[in-house]
Amino acid sequence: MDAVHRNRWLPLLVLAIVAGTMVVNVVTTGSLGVFDVVFGLVLGAFVWWSWPGRSGTHVDHRQAQQAAADGDVVVYWRPG
């Protein structure tokens, strides 16, 4: 399994860890603080925005070269 497929589970892992931390906070204190709610919303938005599977399928070098016509230039862009 290459790094691209492993990275798809990283945002979900972060979300699970933070959700677990919030559950422990609720169990120990009996309530959920305003900071926890705001942090959960911000984290949820970040996980949705950064999810690798949201942008569609990945095109590797071989597929890009096969799709290009003669004289076409293939430009690779890596966000971030």
C-alpha atoms as a PDB file:
ATOM      1  CA  MET A   1       0.000   0.000   0.000  1.00  0.00           C
ATOM      2  CA  ASP A   2       1.492   3.303  -1.022  1.00  0.00           C
ATOM      3  CA  ALA A   3       1.517   6.581   0.887  1.00  0.00           C
ATOM      4  CA  VAL A   4      -1.425   8.033  -1.046  1.00  0.00           C
ATOM      5  CA  HIS A   5      -3.814   5.383   0.238  1.00  0.00           C
ATOM      6  CA  ARG A   6      -2.500   5.551   3.802  1.00  0.00           C
ATOM      7  CA  ASN A   7      -2.975   9.320   3.862  1.00  0.00           C
ATOM      8  CA  ARG A   8      -6.685   8.870   3.171  1.00  0.00           C
ATOM      9  CA  TRP A   9      -7.152   7.494   6.699  1.00  0.00           C
ATOM     10  CA  LEU A  10      -5.116  10.169   8.511  1.00  0.00           C
ATOM     11  CA  PRO A  11      -7.909  12.797   8.772  1.00  0.00           C
ATOM     12  CA  LEU A  12     -10.295  10.126  10.028  1.00  0.00           C
ATOM     13  CA  LEU A  13      -7.755   9.034  12.634  1.00  0.00           C
ATOM     14  CA  VAL A  14      -7.316  12.623  13.849  1.00  0.00           C
ATOM     15  CA  LEU A  15     -11.081  13.047  14.026  1.00  0.00           C
ATOM     16  CA  ALA A  16     -11.445   9.817  16.023  1.00  0.00           C
ATOM     17  CA  ILE A  17      -8.743  10.846  18.495  1.00  0.00           C
ATOM     18  CA  VAL A  18     -10.303  14.267  19.090  1.00  0.00           C
ATOM     19  CA  ALA A  19     -13.788  12.771  19.385  1.00  0.00           C
ATOM     20  CA  GLY A  20     -12.452  10.283  21.937  1.00  0.00           C
ATOM     21  CA  THR A  21     -10.847  13.107  23.883  1.00  0.00           C
ATOM     22  CA  MET A  22     -14.157  14.991  23.916  1.00  0.00           C
ATOM     23  CA  VAL A  23     -16.017  11.893  25.113  1.00  0.00           C
ATOM     24  CA  VAL A  24     -13.529  11.472  27.965  1.00  0.00           C
ATOM     25  CA  ASN A  25     -14.008  15.162  28.821  1.00  0.00           C
ATOM     26  CA  VAL A  26     -17.797  14.750  28.947  1.00  0.00           C
ATOM     27  CA  VAL A  27     -17.535  11.619  31.094  1.00  0.00           C
ATOM     28  CA  THR A  28     -15.131  13.189  33.587  1.00  0.00           C
ATOM     29  CA  THR A  29     -16.645  16.691  33.846  1.00  0.00           C
ATOM     30  CA  GLY A  30     -20.262  15.959  32.990  1.00  0.00           C
ATOM     31  CA  SER A  31     -20.544  18.632  30.323  1.00  0.00           C
ATOM     32  CA  LEU A  32     -19.099  19.774  27.024  1.00  0.00           C
ATOM     33  CA  GLY A  33     -17.487  23.202  27.084  1.00  0.00           C
ATOM     34  CA  VAL A  34     -17.891  25.950  24.500  1.00  0.00           C
ATOM     35  CA  PHE A  35     -14.257  25.508  23.483  1.00  0.00           C
ATOM     36  CA  ASP A  36     -14.870  21.822  22.821  1.00  0.00           C
ATOM     37  CA  VAL A  37     -17.844  22.550  20.586  1.00  0.00           C
ATOM     38  CA  VAL A  38     -16.036  25.263  18.606  1.00  0.00           C
ATOM     39  CA  PHE A  39     -12.914  23.126  18.311  1.00  0.00           C
ATOM     40  CA  GLY A  40     -14.994  20.164  17.126  1.00  0.00           C
ATOM     41  CA  LEU A  41     -16.689  22.268  14.440  1.00  0.00           C
ATOM     42  CA  VAL A  42     -13.396  23.740  13.235  1.00  0.00           C
ATOM     43  CA  LEU A  43     -11.774  20.317  13.191  1.00  0.00           C
ATOM     44  CA  GLY A  44     -14.727  18.817  11.341  1.00  0.00           C
ATOM     45  CA  ALA A  45     -14.508  21.521   8.681  1.00  0.00           C
ATOM     46  CA  PHE A  46     -10.758  20.990   8.370  1.00  0.00           C
ATOM     47  CA  VAL A  47     -11.128  17.219   8.014  1.00  0.00           C
ATOM     48  CA  TRP A  48     -13.766  17.659   5.315  1.00  0.00           C
ATOM     49  CA  TRP A  49     -11.643  20.223   3.468  1.00  0.00           C
ATOM     50  CA  SER A  50      -8.412  18.210   3.644  1.00  0.00           C
ATOM     51  CA  TRP A  51      -9.842  14.739   2.889  1.00  0.00           C
ATOM     52  CA  PRO A  52      -7.821  13.356  -0.062  1.00  0.00           C
ATOM     53  CA  GLY A  53     -10.742  11.332  -1.434  1.00  0.00           C
ATOM     54  CA  ARG A  54     -12.895  14.444  -1.810  1.00  0.00           C
ATOM     55  CA  SER A  55     -10.972  15.687  -4.846  1.00  0.00           C
ATOM     56  CA  GLY A  56     -11.592  12.619  -7.005  1.00  0.00           C
ATOM     57  CA  THR A  57      -9.322   9.939  -8.313  1.00  0.00           C
ATOM     58  CA  HIS A  58      -5.573  10.268  -8.601  1.00  0.00           C
ATOM     59  CA  VAL A  59      -3.996  10.259 -12.069  1.00  0.00           C
ATOM     60  CA  ASP A  60      -0.507   8.820 -12.068  1.00  0.00           C
ATOM     61  CA  HIS A  61       2.292   9.690 -14.483  1.00  0.00           C
ATOM     62  CA  ARG A  62       1.601   6.813 -16.880  1.00  0.00           C
ATOM     63  CA  GLN A  63      -2.106   7.676 -17.173  1.00  0.00           C
ATOM     64  CA  ALA A  64      -1.319  11.355 -17.747  1.00  0.00           C
ATOM     65  CA  GLN A  65       1.176  10.504 -20.497  1.00  0.00           C
ATOM     66  CA  GLN A  66      -1.324   8.175 -22.209  1.00  0.00           C
ATOM     67  CA  ALA A  67      -4.085  10.792 -22.103  1.00  0.00           C
ATOM     68  CA  ALA A  68      -1.897  13.527 -23.571  1.00  0.00           C
ATOM     69  CA  ALA A  69      -1.887  13.996 -27.320  1.00  0.00           C
ATOM     70  CA  ASP A  70       1.265  14.623 -29.359  1.00  0.00           C
ATOM     71  CA  GLY A  71       2.706  18.001 -28.522  1.00  0.00           C
ATOM     72  CA  ASP A  72       0.694  18.383 -25.310  1.00  0.00           C
ATOM     73  CA  VAL A  73       2.447  19.468 -22.154  1.00  0.00           C
ATOM     74  CA  VAL A  74       1.558  17.708 -18.915  1.00  0.00           C
ATOM     75  CA  VAL A  75       1.821  20.034 -15.916  1.00  0.00           C
ATOM     76  CA  TYR A  76       1.998  18.520 -12.438  1.00  0.00           C
ATOM     77  CA  TRP A  77       0.715  20.593  -9.559  1.00  0.00           C
ATOM     78  CA  ARG A  78       0.923  19.635  -5.922  1.00  0.00           C
ATOM     79  CA  PRO A  79      -1.160  21.873  -3.672  1.00  0.00           C
ATOM     80  CA  GLY A  80       0.459  23.164  -0.532  1.00  0.00           C
END
